[in-house]
Amino acid sequence: MTPTMSEVVAAHPLFAGWPAGAQLVVGCGRLVAFAPGALLVAEGEQARTLFLLRRGSVSVELHSPGSGPLVVDRIGPGGVVGWSW
């Protein structure tokens, strides 16, 4: 059974002990899934989305001139992506 947005946000560590904050996010959130290797946001783009990871992992990459993408962080379940607006 797919959890509701309210359940997902309330269970996320970012909102532990902050129910008012969780309720603000629930109203503008949506549940999405991405295929392995999908790009969530490109380097240099304006961040417009906050991703609360439930499953899987996300690699944070920077472009390194002459050598291509460089993985600088890997974020797993319970992590947050897109918080550095």
Protein backbone atom coordinates (compact mmCIF):
# COMPACT_ATOMS: atom_id res chain seq x y z
CA MET A 1 0.00 0.00 0.00
CA THR A 2 1.34 3.41 -0.98
CA PRO A 3 1.70 5.78 1.99
CA THR A 4 0.03 9.17 1.92
CA MET A 5 2.06 12.35 1.54
CA SER A 6 1.23 13.18 5.16
CA GLU A 7 2.64 9.83 6.34
CA VAL A 8 5.82 10.18 4.25
CA VAL A 9 6.60 13.70 5.47
CA ALA A 10 5.72 12.99 9.10
CA ALA A 11 8.03 9.94 9.11
CA HIS A 12 10.98 11.75 7.53
CA PRO A 13 13.88 12.65 9.89
CA LEU A 14 13.95 16.27 8.62
CA PHE A 15 10.56 16.88 10.23
CA ALA A 16 11.04 14.91 13.47
CA GLY A 17 9.71 17.07 16.29
CA TRP A 18 8.42 19.72 13.89
CA PRO A 19 4.82 18.79 13.00
CA ALA A 20 3.93 22.34 11.91
CA GLY A 21 6.74 22.26 9.33
CA ALA A 22 5.62 18.86 8.12
CA GLN A 23 2.08 20.13 7.56
CA LEU A 24 3.38 23.06 5.47
CA VAL A 25 5.24 20.66 3.18
CA VAL A 26 2.36 18.20 2.85
CA GLY A 27 0.23 20.81 1.11
CA CYS A 28 2.72 21.36 -1.71
CA GLY A 29 4.32 17.93 -2.01
CA ARG A 30 3.79 14.97 -4.27
CA LEU A 31 5.05 11.40 -4.37
CA VAL A 32 7.32 10.67 -7.34
CA ALA A 33 9.61 7.85 -8.44
CA PHE A 34 12.60 8.09 -10.76
CA ALA A 35 14.29 5.50 -12.93
CA PRO A 36 17.90 4.59 -12.06
CA GLY A 37 20.25 7.15 -13.56
CA ALA A 38 17.57 9.86 -13.91
CA LEU A 39 18.71 13.46 -13.52
CA LEU A 40 16.87 15.31 -10.74
CA VAL A 41 18.54 18.68 -11.24
CA ALA A 42 21.53 19.81 -13.29
CA GLU A 43 24.50 21.73 -11.93
CA GLY A 44 23.88 25.44 -12.29
CA GLU A 45 20.08 25.16 -12.41
CA GLN A 46 18.00 26.98 -9.84
CA ALA A 47 16.78 24.57 -7.15
CA ARG A 48 12.99 24.54 -7.08
CA THR A 49 12.28 21.19 -5.48
CA LEU A 50 13.10 19.60 -2.15
CA PHE A 51 13.39 15.80 -2.39
CA LEU A 52 12.91 13.64 0.71
CA LEU A 53 14.48 10.28 -0.09
CA ARG A 54 12.55 7.19 1.01
CA ARG A 55 14.39 4.52 -1.02
CA GLY A 56 17.40 4.24 -3.26
CA SER A 57 20.22 6.74 -3.47
CA VAL A 58 21.16 9.95 -5.25
CA SER A 59 24.65 10.89 -6.38
CA VAL A 60 25.60 14.56 -6.21
CA GLU A 61 27.99 15.26 -9.06
CA LEU A 62 30.03 18.25 -10.19
CA HIS A 63 31.45 18.68 -13.64
CA SER A 64 35.22 18.52 -13.58
CA PRO A 65 36.79 20.09 -16.69
CA GLY A 66 38.87 17.51 -18.52
CA SER A 67 37.62 14.52 -16.55
CA GLY A 68 33.80 14.67 -16.62
CA PRO A 69 31.42 14.11 -13.67
CA LEU A 70 32.90 13.88 -10.18
CA VAL A 71 30.74 12.31 -7.44
CA VAL A 72 31.04 14.53 -4.36
CA ASP A 73 28.30 12.96 -2.24
CA ARG A 74 25.89 10.03 -2.22
CA ILE A 75 22.61 10.46 -0.36
CA GLY A 76 20.46 7.53 0.74
CA PRO A 77 17.10 6.89 2.42
CA GLY A 78 16.25 9.54 5.00
CA GLY A 79 18.41 12.08 3.18
CA VAL A 80 17.42 15.34 1.57
CA VAL A 81 18.28 16.65 -1.91
CA GLY A 82 17.67 20.20 -3.16
CA TRP A 83 17.90 21.97 0.18
CA SER A 84 20.63 24.41 -0.89
CA TRP A 85 18.49 26.97 -2.65
